Amino acid sequence: MEKHLVFVYGTLRKGGSNDHYLEKAVCVEEKCYTEGQLYDTGWGYPALVVESGKWVTGELYEITHDELKHLDRLEDYEESGTNNLYDRIVAKIRTPDGELEALLYIMKKKEKHFLPIPENDWLKYLNK
């Protein structure tokens, strides 16, 4: 069975509103990082925009191909789609044991009303 690594930084993290999507997935690392900036979209979920020199806190999961398809639907991502809300890319993830590559959903277009999350940690931001 084909497996994928995916980095999650928002509602899919443990304690997030969509964490049930990953309840059967294997958590590889609970605290890891990827380069970028998180924004509060004002729509109940964050957006990650790739920016160098800034680090976003997230979790790393090993998921099945079926689980990936469920995440694609949640993230409004369709392979070769022209109207996707997010792009799915391969990114470098920093873990305590070194660097890995994983799938990551990034926002295609940063809207003017998006607010930067200074600490780059969605769950910490929600629990202020």
N, C-alpha and C. Protein backbone atom coordinates (compact mmCIF):
# COMPACT_ATOMS: atom_id res chain seq x y z
N MET A 1 0.84 -1.19 0.00
CA MET A 1 0.00 0.00 0.00
C MET A 1 0.89 1.25 0.00
N GLU A 2 0.57 2.16 -0.89
CA GLU A 2 1.36 3.38 -1.03
C GLU A 2 1.14 4.30 0.17
N LYS A 3 2.25 4.81 0.71
CA LYS A 3 2.21 5.72 1.86
C LYS A 3 2.79 7.07 1.47
N HIS A 4 2.34 8.11 2.15
CA HIS A 4 2.81 9.47 1.91
C HIS A 4 3.09 10.13 3.25
N LEU A 5 4.05 11.03 3.28
CA LEU A 5 4.25 11.89 4.45
C LEU A 5 3.57 13.21 4.16
N VAL A 6 2.84 13.73 5.15
CA VAL A 6 2.18 15.02 4.99
C VAL A 6 2.43 15.87 6.24
N PHE A 7 2.75 17.14 6.02
CA PHE A 7 2.95 18.10 7.09
C PHE A 7 1.66 18.88 7.25
N VAL A 8 1.13 18.92 8.48
CA VAL A 8 -0.10 19.68 8.75
C VAL A 8 0.19 20.76 9.77
N TYR A 9 -0.45 21.91 9.62
CA TYR A 9 -0.12 23.08 10.44
C TYR A 9 -1.34 23.79 11.00
N GLY A 10 -2.54 23.36 10.66
CA GLY A 10 -3.74 24.09 11.06
C GLY A 10 -4.78 23.18 11.69
N THR A 11 -5.95 23.14 11.08
CA THR A 11 -7.09 22.41 11.65
C THR A 11 -6.89 20.90 11.69
N LEU A 12 -5.92 20.37 10.96
CA LEU A 12 -5.65 18.93 10.96
C LEU A 12 -4.76 18.49 12.12
N ARG A 13 -4.13 19.43 12.81
CA ARG A 13 -3.27 19.08 13.95
C ARG A 13 -4.10 18.52 15.10
N LYS A 14 -3.45 17.76 15.97
CA LYS A 14 -4.13 17.21 17.15
C LYS A 14 -4.75 18.35 17.94
N GLY A 15 -6.05 18.22 18.20
CA GLY A 15 -6.78 19.28 18.89
C GLY A 15 -7.42 20.27 17.94
N GLY A 16 -7.12 20.15 16.65
CA GLY A 16 -7.73 21.02 15.65
C GLY A 16 -9.11 20.52 15.25
N SER A 17 -9.89 21.37 14.64
CA SER A 17 -11.27 21.03 14.29
C SER A 17 -11.40 19.91 13.26
N ASN A 18 -10.35 19.62 12.51
CA ASN A 18 -10.39 18.56 11.51
C ASN A 18 -9.43 17.41 11.81
N ASP A 19 -8.99 17.31 13.06
CA ASP A 19 -8.01 16.26 13.39
C ASP A 19 -8.55 14.85 13.18
N HIS A 20 -9.88 14.69 13.13
CA HIS A 20 -10.47 13.36 12.89
C HIS A 20 -10.10 12.79 11.52
N TYR A 21 -9.71 13.64 10.58
CA TYR A 21 -9.27 13.15 9.27
C TYR A 21 -8.01 12.29 9.38
N LEU A 22 -7.23 12.50 10.44
CA LEU A 22 -5.96 11.79 10.61
C LEU A 22 -5.98 10.82 11.78
N GLU A 23 -7.18 10.45 12.27
CA GLU A 23 -7.26 9.60 13.45
C GLU A 23 -6.67 8.22 13.23
N LYS A 24 -6.62 7.73 12.00
CA LYS A 24 -6.03 6.42 11.71
C LYS A 24 -4.62 6.53 11.13
N ALA A 25 -4.16 7.73 10.92
CA ALA A 25 -2.82 7.95 10.36
C ALA A 25 -1.76 7.79 11.45
N VAL A 26 -0.54 7.53 11.02
CA VAL A 26 0.57 7.40 11.95
C VAL A 26 1.24 8.76 12.12
N CYS A 27 1.28 9.25 13.37
CA CYS A 27 1.97 10.51 13.65
C CYS A 27 3.46 10.20 13.74
N VAL A 28 4.23 10.74 12.82
CA VAL A 28 5.67 10.52 12.75
C VAL A 28 6.40 11.48 13.68
N GLU A 29 5.90 12.73 13.76
CA GLU A 29 6.53 13.75 14.60
C GLU A 29 5.48 14.77 15.03
N GLU A 30 5.40 15.03 16.34
CA GLU A 30 4.40 15.97 16.86
C GLU A 30 4.84 17.43 16.81
N LYS A 31 6.14 17.68 16.71
CA LYS A 31 6.59 19.07 16.66
C LYS A 31 7.73 19.16 15.64
N CYS A 32 7.39 19.70 14.49
CA CYS A 32 8.37 19.90 13.43
C CYS A 32 8.03 21.20 12.71
N TYR A 33 8.85 21.55 11.72
CA TYR A 33 8.75 22.89 11.13
C TYR A 33 8.99 22.86 9.62
N THR A 34 8.36 23.81 8.95
CA THR A 34 8.65 24.06 7.55
C THR A 34 8.73 25.58 7.35
N GLU A 35 9.43 25.98 6.31
CA GLU A 35 9.58 27.42 6.05
C GLU A 35 8.28 28.01 5.52
N GLY A 36 7.95 29.19 6.06
CA GLY A 36 6.77 29.88 5.59
C GLY A 36 6.20 30.83 6.61
N GLN A 37 5.08 31.43 6.26
CA GLN A 37 4.36 32.34 7.16
C GLN A 37 2.91 31.89 7.20
N LEU A 38 2.36 31.78 8.42
CA LEU A 38 0.95 31.47 8.58
C LEU A 38 0.13 32.75 8.65
N TYR A 39 -1.06 32.68 8.07
CA TYR A 39 -1.99 33.79 8.09
C TYR A 39 -3.35 33.31 8.58
N ASP A 40 -4.02 34.16 9.35
CA ASP A 40 -5.41 33.91 9.73
C ASP A 40 -6.25 34.39 8.56
N THR A 41 -6.98 33.47 7.95
CA THR A 41 -7.79 33.82 6.78
C THR A 41 -9.08 34.53 7.17
N GLY A 42 -9.47 34.40 8.45
CA GLY A 42 -10.76 34.94 8.87
C GLY A 42 -11.90 33.99 8.57
N TRP A 43 -11.58 32.82 8.01
CA TRP A 43 -12.57 31.83 7.63
C TRP A 43 -12.52 30.58 8.52
N GLY A 44 -11.80 30.66 9.64
CA GLY A 44 -11.73 29.53 10.57
C GLY A 44 -10.59 28.57 10.33
N TYR A 45 -9.71 28.92 9.43
CA TYR A 45 -8.53 28.09 9.16
C TYR A 45 -7.39 28.98 8.69
N PRO A 46 -6.16 28.48 8.87
CA PRO A 46 -5.01 29.29 8.46
C PRO A 46 -4.62 29.03 7.01
N ALA A 47 -3.79 29.91 6.51
CA ALA A 47 -3.17 29.75 5.19
C ALA A 47 -1.67 29.81 5.39
N LEU A 48 -0.95 28.92 4.73
CA LEU A 48 0.50 28.95 4.76
C LEU A 48 0.99 29.49 3.43
N VAL A 49 1.86 30.48 3.51
CA VAL A 49 2.50 31.05 2.32
C VAL A 49 3.99 30.82 2.49
N VAL A 50 4.64 30.27 1.47
CA VAL A 50 6.07 29.98 1.57
C VAL A 50 6.85 31.29 1.60
N GLU A 51 7.60 31.49 2.68
CA GLU A 51 8.48 32.65 2.84
C GLU A 51 9.74 32.14 3.53
N SER A 52 10.89 32.48 3.01
CA SER A 52 12.12 31.97 3.62
C SER A 52 12.46 32.74 4.89
N GLY A 53 13.15 32.04 5.78
CA GLY A 53 13.60 32.65 7.02
C GLY A 53 12.59 32.64 8.16
N LYS A 54 11.40 32.11 7.93
CA LYS A 54 10.37 32.00 8.96
C LYS A 54 9.97 30.53 9.03
N TRP A 55 9.60 30.07 10.24
CA TRP A 55 9.33 28.65 10.45
C TRP A 55 7.95 28.43 11.05
N VAL A 56 7.17 27.59 10.39
CA VAL A 56 5.81 27.25 10.80
C VAL A 56 5.84 25.95 11.59
N THR A 57 5.17 25.93 12.74
CA THR A 57 5.07 24.74 13.58
C THR A 57 3.96 23.84 13.06
N GLY A 58 4.25 22.54 13.02
CA GLY A 58 3.24 21.58 12.60
C GLY A 58 3.55 20.18 13.05
N GLU A 59 2.83 19.23 12.47
CA GLU A 59 2.98 17.81 12.78
C GLU A 59 3.17 17.06 11.47
N LEU A 60 3.83 15.92 11.55
CA LEU A 60 4.13 15.11 10.37
C LEU A 60 3.43 13.76 10.51
N TYR A 61 2.69 13.37 9.47
CA TYR A 61 1.94 12.12 9.47
C TYR A 61 2.29 11.26 8.27
N GLU A 62 2.23 9.96 8.48
CA GLU A 62 2.30 9.00 7.38
C GLU A 62 0.86 8.60 7.09
N ILE A 63 0.44 8.79 5.84
CA ILE A 63 -0.95 8.53 5.46
C ILE A 63 -1.01 7.61 4.24
N THR A 64 -2.16 6.99 4.06
CA THR A 64 -2.40 6.14 2.91
C THR A 64 -2.84 6.99 1.72
N HIS A 65 -2.89 6.38 0.56
CA HIS A 65 -3.35 7.08 -0.63
C HIS A 65 -4.81 7.52 -0.46
N ASP A 66 -5.64 6.67 0.14
CA ASP A 66 -7.04 7.04 0.38
C ASP A 66 -7.16 8.24 1.32
N GLU A 67 -6.34 8.25 2.37
CA GLU A 67 -6.35 9.38 3.29
C GLU A 67 -5.91 10.66 2.58
N LEU A 68 -4.94 10.54 1.68
CA LEU A 68 -4.50 11.70 0.90
C LEU A 68 -5.64 12.25 0.06
N LYS A 69 -6.42 11.38 -0.54
CA LYS A 69 -7.56 11.84 -1.36
C LYS A 69 -8.58 12.59 -0.50
N HIS A 70 -8.81 12.10 0.75
CA HIS A 70 -9.72 12.80 1.67
C HIS A 70 -9.17 14.19 2.01
N LEU A 71 -7.86 14.28 2.25
CA LEU A 71 -7.25 15.58 2.54
C LEU A 71 -7.34 16.51 1.34
N ASP A 72 -7.13 15.96 0.14
CA ASP A 72 -7.26 16.77 -1.08
C ASP A 72 -8.64 17.41 -1.17
N ARG A 73 -9.69 16.63 -0.87
CA ARG A 73 -11.05 17.17 -0.92
C ARG A 73 -11.24 18.25 0.15
N LEU A 74 -10.75 17.99 1.36
CA LEU A 74 -10.86 18.97 2.44
C LEU A 74 -10.16 20.27 2.05
N GLU A 75 -8.99 20.17 1.45
CA GLU A 75 -8.19 21.35 1.11
C GLU A 75 -8.55 21.96 -0.25
N ASP A 76 -9.64 21.47 -0.84
CA ASP A 76 -10.10 21.98 -2.13
C ASP A 76 -8.98 21.92 -3.17
N TYR A 77 -8.31 20.75 -3.20
CA TYR A 77 -7.20 20.54 -4.12
C TYR A 77 -7.54 19.41 -5.08
N GLU A 78 -7.36 19.68 -6.35
CA GLU A 78 -7.55 18.67 -7.39
C GLU A 78 -6.32 18.68 -8.28
N GLU A 79 -5.71 17.51 -8.48
CA GLU A 79 -4.51 17.45 -9.33
C GLU A 79 -4.85 18.02 -10.70
N SER A 80 -3.99 18.88 -11.18
CA SER A 80 -4.17 19.57 -12.47
C SER A 80 -5.38 20.51 -12.48
N GLY A 81 -5.92 20.81 -11.30
CA GLY A 81 -7.07 21.72 -11.22
C GLY A 81 -6.63 23.16 -11.40
N THR A 82 -7.46 23.96 -12.01
CA THR A 82 -7.13 25.36 -12.24
C THR A 82 -7.77 26.29 -11.21
N ASN A 83 -8.75 25.80 -10.46
CA ASN A 83 -9.45 26.63 -9.48
C ASN A 83 -9.20 26.17 -8.05
N ASN A 84 -8.06 25.54 -7.79
CA ASN A 84 -7.74 25.06 -6.45
C ASN A 84 -7.54 26.23 -5.50
N LEU A 85 -8.00 26.04 -4.26
CA LEU A 85 -7.75 27.02 -3.20
C LEU A 85 -6.30 26.89 -2.75
N TYR A 86 -5.82 25.65 -2.65
CA TYR A 86 -4.46 25.36 -2.21
C TYR A 86 -3.69 24.63 -3.30
N ASP A 87 -2.38 24.75 -3.26
CA ASP A 87 -1.48 23.90 -4.04
C ASP A 87 -0.94 22.85 -3.09
N ARG A 88 -0.65 21.67 -3.60
CA ARG A 88 0.00 20.63 -2.82
C ARG A 88 1.42 20.49 -3.35
N ILE A 89 2.39 20.76 -2.49
CA ILE A 89 3.79 20.73 -2.91
C ILE A 89 4.57 19.75 -2.04
N VAL A 90 5.79 19.46 -2.45
CA VAL A 90 6.72 18.72 -1.61
C VAL A 90 7.65 19.75 -0.98
N ALA A 91 7.78 19.70 0.34
CA ALA A 91 8.58 20.69 1.06
C ALA A 91 9.52 19.99 2.03
N LYS A 92 10.57 20.70 2.41
CA LYS A 92 11.50 20.21 3.42
C LYS A 92 10.91 20.47 4.80
N ILE A 93 10.96 19.44 5.64
CA ILE A 93 10.43 19.51 7.00
C ILE A 93 11.57 19.25 7.97
N ARG A 94 11.73 20.13 8.93
CA ARG A 94 12.75 19.96 9.97
C ARG A 94 12.15 19.22 11.16
N THR A 95 12.79 18.11 11.52
CA THR A 95 12.37 17.34 12.69
C THR A 95 13.56 17.28 13.64
N PRO A 96 13.34 16.85 14.88
CA PRO A 96 14.47 16.70 15.81
C PRO A 96 15.52 15.70 15.31
N ASP A 97 15.12 14.78 14.43
CA ASP A 97 16.04 13.76 13.91
C ASP A 97 16.64 14.11 12.56
N GLY A 98 16.36 15.30 12.05
CA GLY A 98 16.89 15.69 10.75
C GLY A 98 15.81 16.19 9.82
N GLU A 99 16.17 16.32 8.56
CA GLU A 99 15.27 16.88 7.56
C GLU A 99 14.63 15.77 6.73
N LEU A 100 13.34 15.93 6.45
CA LEU A 100 12.58 15.01 5.61
C LEU A 100 11.84 15.82 4.56
N GLU A 101 11.33 15.14 3.55
CA GLU A 101 10.45 15.79 2.58
C GLU A 101 9.04 15.25 2.77
N ALA A 102 8.07 16.14 2.69
CA ALA A 102 6.67 15.75 2.88
C ALA A 102 5.77 16.62 2.02
N LEU A 103 4.57 16.14 1.82
CA LEU A 103 3.55 16.92 1.13
C LEU A 103 3.08 18.03 2.05
N LEU A 104 2.69 19.13 1.45
CA LEU A 104 2.28 20.32 2.21
C LEU A 104 1.29 21.09 1.35
N TYR A 105 0.21 21.54 1.96
CA TYR A 105 -0.77 22.37 1.26
C TYR A 105 -0.46 23.84 1.54
N ILE A 106 -0.27 24.61 0.47
CA ILE A 106 0.00 26.03 0.61
C ILE A 106 -1.09 26.83 -0.10
N MET A 107 -1.37 28.01 0.41
CA MET A 107 -2.40 28.88 -0.18
C MET A 107 -1.91 29.41 -1.52
N LYS A 108 -2.76 29.31 -2.54
CA LYS A 108 -2.38 29.78 -3.87
C LYS A 108 -2.29 31.30 -3.92
N LYS A 109 -3.22 31.97 -3.22
CA LYS A 109 -3.26 33.43 -3.32
C LYS A 109 -3.51 34.03 -1.94
N LYS A 110 -2.59 34.88 -1.49
CA LYS A 110 -2.76 35.56 -0.20
C LYS A 110 -3.70 36.74 -0.41
N GLU A 111 -4.80 36.73 0.31
CA GLU A 111 -5.79 37.82 0.22
C GLU A 111 -5.36 39.00 1.09
N LYS A 112 -5.82 40.18 0.74
CA LYS A 112 -5.44 41.40 1.45
C LYS A 112 -5.87 41.39 2.92
N HIS A 113 -6.99 40.72 3.22
CA HIS A 113 -7.50 40.74 4.59
C HIS A 113 -6.82 39.71 5.51
N PHE A 114 -5.99 38.84 4.97
CA PHE A 114 -5.30 37.84 5.80
C PHE A 114 -4.40 38.54 6.82
N LEU A 115 -4.43 38.06 8.06
CA LEU A 115 -3.60 38.63 9.12
C LEU A 115 -2.45 37.67 9.45
N PRO A 116 -1.21 38.17 9.48
CA PRO A 116 -0.09 37.30 9.81
C PRO A 116 -0.20 36.80 11.26
N ILE A 117 0.15 35.55 11.47
CA ILE A 117 0.18 34.96 12.81
C ILE A 117 1.63 35.03 13.28
N PRO A 118 1.94 35.96 14.19
CA PRO A 118 3.34 36.22 14.56
C PRO A 118 4.11 35.00 15.03
N GLU A 119 3.47 34.14 15.83
CA GLU A 119 4.19 32.98 16.36
C GLU A 119 4.23 31.80 15.40
N ASN A 120 3.54 31.91 14.26
CA ASN A 120 3.54 30.86 13.23
C ASN A 120 3.09 29.50 13.76
N ASP A 121 2.16 29.51 14.73
CA ASP A 121 1.62 28.28 15.33
C ASP A 121 0.12 28.48 15.48
N TRP A 122 -0.67 27.80 14.64
CA TRP A 122 -2.12 27.99 14.61
C TRP A 122 -2.79 27.66 15.93
N LEU A 123 -2.44 26.53 16.56
CA LEU A 123 -3.09 26.14 17.80
C LEU A 123 -2.74 27.10 18.94
N LYS A 124 -1.52 27.54 19.01
CA LYS A 124 -1.12 28.53 20.03
C LYS A 124 -1.88 29.83 19.81
N TYR A 125 -2.03 30.22 18.56
CA TYR A 125 -2.74 31.44 18.19
C TYR A 125 -4.22 31.36 18.62
N LEU A 126 -4.85 30.21 18.43
CA LEU A 126 -6.25 30.04 18.79
C LEU A 126 -6.45 30.06 20.30
N ASN A 127 -5.47 29.58 21.04
CA ASN A 127 -5.60 29.44 22.49
C ASN A 127 -5.09 30.63 23.28
N LYS A 128 -4.88 31.77 22.60
CA LYS A 128 -4.41 32.98 23.30
C LYS A 128 -5.43 33.45 24.31
